[in-house]
C-alpha atoms as a PDB file:
ATOM      1  CA  MET A   1    -159.880  80.755   1.695  1.00  0.00           C
ATOM      2  CA  TYR A   2    -156.496  80.947   0.018  1.00  0.00           C
ATOM      3  CA  ASN A   3    -153.591  83.295   0.548  1.00  0.00           C
ATOM      4  CA  ALA A   4    -151.906  83.464  -2.851  1.00  0.00           C
ATOM      5  CA  MET A   5    -148.761  84.933  -1.301  1.00  0.00           C
ATOM      6  CA  THR A   6    -148.018  81.583   0.333  1.00  0.00           C
ATOM      7  CA  TYR A   7    -147.470  79.951  -3.093  1.00  0.00           C
ATOM      8  CA  SER A   8    -144.192  80.130  -4.968  1.00  0.00           C
ATOM      9  CA  ASP A   9    -145.857  81.128  -8.248  1.00  0.00           C
ATOM     10  CA  VAL A  10    -149.190  81.525 -10.005  1.00  0.00           C
ATOM     11  CA  LYS A  11    -149.168  78.022 -11.472  1.00  0.00           C
ATOM     12  CA  ASN A  12    -148.774  76.369  -8.047  1.00  0.00           C
ATOM     13  CA  PHE A  13    -151.703  78.404  -6.770  1.00  0.00           C
ATOM     14  CA  GLY A  14    -153.804  77.555  -9.831  1.00  0.00           C
ATOM     15  CA  LEU A  15    -153.112  73.831  -9.551  1.00  0.00           C
ATOM     16  CA  THR A  16    -154.037  73.835  -5.858  1.00  0.00           C
ATOM     17  CA  LEU A  17    -157.228  75.764  -6.567  1.00  0.00           C
ATOM     18  CA  PHE A  18    -158.113  73.408  -9.436  1.00  0.00           C
ATOM     19  CA  ARG A  19    -157.634  70.309  -7.241  1.00  0.00           C
ATOM     20  CA  HIS A  20    -159.798  71.730  -4.468  1.00  0.00           C
ATOM     21  CA  LEU A  21    -162.543  72.765  -6.893  1.00  0.00           C
ATOM     22  CA  GLN A  22    -162.580  69.288  -8.397  1.00  0.00           C
ATOM     23  CA  GLU A  23    -162.933  67.735  -4.950  1.00  0.00           C
ATOM     24  CA  ARG A  24    -165.877  69.997  -4.269  1.00  0.00           C
ATOM     25  CA  PHE A  25    -167.702  70.025  -7.621  1.00  0.00           C
ATOM     26  CA  VAL A  26    -166.767  66.827  -9.490  1.00  0.00           C
ATOM     27  CA  GLN A  27    -168.473  63.989  -7.652  1.00  0.00           C
ATOM     28  CA  ASP A  28    -167.286  61.161  -9.913  1.00  0.00           C
ATOM     29  CA  GLU A  29    -163.594  60.687  -9.129  1.00  0.00           C
ATOM     30  CA  THR A  30    -163.041  58.909 -12.457  1.00  0.00           C
ATOM     31  CA  LYS A  31    -163.899  62.199 -14.216  1.00  0.00           C
ATOM     32  CA  GLN A  32    -161.406  64.245 -12.210  1.00  0.00           C
ATOM     33  CA  LYS A  33    -158.354  65.312 -14.186  1.00  0.00           C
ATOM     34  CA  ARG A  34    -154.893  64.903 -12.733  1.00  0.00           C
ATOM     35  CA  LEU A  35    -152.893  67.925 -13.824  1.00  0.00           C
ATOM     36  CA  SER A  36    -149.268  68.702 -13.090  1.00  0.00           C
ATOM     37  CA  ARG A  37    -147.100  71.723 -13.925  1.00  0.00           C
ATOM     38  CA  GLY A  38    -145.952  70.294 -17.255  1.00  0.00           C
ATOM     39  CA  ASP A  39    -149.440  69.350 -18.427  1.00  0.00           C
ATOM     40  CA  VAL A  40    -150.836  72.852 -18.955  1.00  0.00           C
ATOM     41  CA  ASP A  41    -149.807  76.460 -19.393  1.00  0.00           C
ATOM     42  CA  ASP A  42    -151.409  79.257 -17.372  1.00  0.00           C
ATOM     43  CA  GLU A  43    -154.173  79.884 -19.923  1.00  0.00           C
ATOM     44  CA  GLU A  44    -155.153  76.212 -20.148  1.00  0.00           C
ATOM     45  CA  LEU A  45    -155.165  75.965 -16.362  1.00  0.00           C
ATOM     46  CA  GLY A  46    -157.545  78.939 -16.203  1.00  0.00           C
ATOM     47  CA  PHE A  47    -159.807  77.210 -18.729  1.00  0.00           C
ATOM     48  CA  HIS A  48    -159.886  74.033 -16.608  1.00  0.00           C
ATOM     49  CA  ILE A  49    -160.739  76.039 -13.483  1.00  0.00           C
ATOM     50  CA  ALA A  50    -163.549  77.906 -15.265  1.00  0.00           C
ATOM     51  CA  ARG A  51    -164.989  74.696 -16.707  1.00  0.00           C
ATOM     52  CA  THR A  52    -164.927  73.006 -13.298  1.00  0.00           C
ATOM     53  CA  LEU A  53    -166.744  75.947 -11.725  1.00  0.00           C
ATOM     54  CA  ALA A  54    -169.366  75.940 -14.497  1.00  0.00           C
ATOM     55  CA  SER A  55    -170.001  72.202 -14.278  1.00  0.00           C
ATOM     56  CA  GLY A  56    -170.493  71.728 -10.562  1.00  0.00           C
ATOM     57  CA  GLY A  57    -173.103  72.448  -7.981  1.00  0.00           C
ATOM     58  CA  ASN A  58    -176.394  74.244  -8.292  1.00  0.00           C
ATOM     59  CA  GLN A  59    -176.692  75.967 -11.663  1.00  0.00           C
ATOM     60  CA  ASP A  60    -178.895  78.696 -10.113  1.00  0.00           C
ATOM     61  CA  THR A  61    -176.016  79.999  -8.012  1.00  0.00           C
ATOM     62  CA  HIS A  62    -173.007  82.040  -9.025  1.00  0.00           C
ATOM     63  CA  LYS A  63    -169.493  81.183  -7.951  1.00  0.00           C
ATOM     64  CA  VAL A  64    -167.023  84.008  -7.433  1.00  0.00           C
ATOM     65  CA  ILE A  65    -163.309  83.745  -6.838  1.00  0.00           C
ATOM     66  CA  VAL A  66    -161.448  86.846  -5.715  1.00  0.00           C
ATOM     67  CA  ILE A  67    -157.700  86.597  -6.111  1.00  0.00           C
ATOM     68  CA  ASP A  68    -155.415  89.277  -4.725  1.00  0.00           C
ATOM     69  CA  GLU A  69    -151.631  89.520  -4.483  1.00  0.00           C
ATOM     70  CA  VAL A  70    -150.835  87.070  -7.277  1.00  0.00           C
ATOM     71  CA  ASP A  71    -147.719  88.327  -9.017  1.00  0.00           C
END
């Protein structure tokens, strides 16, 4: 569970979420991407998060992320 209000901006939250999703869904550490603020814009970061969610875990389940209070 994440509280987006504890992050200084949307990109910090997105990078944290991306790292945690990779730890959970990308088993091969050599395939995990190392992203920093300067590597991606907000749209690219969203694409990386979506691709990580689609690639990991049981394909018969749906993954849902609810984000509130991100300004």
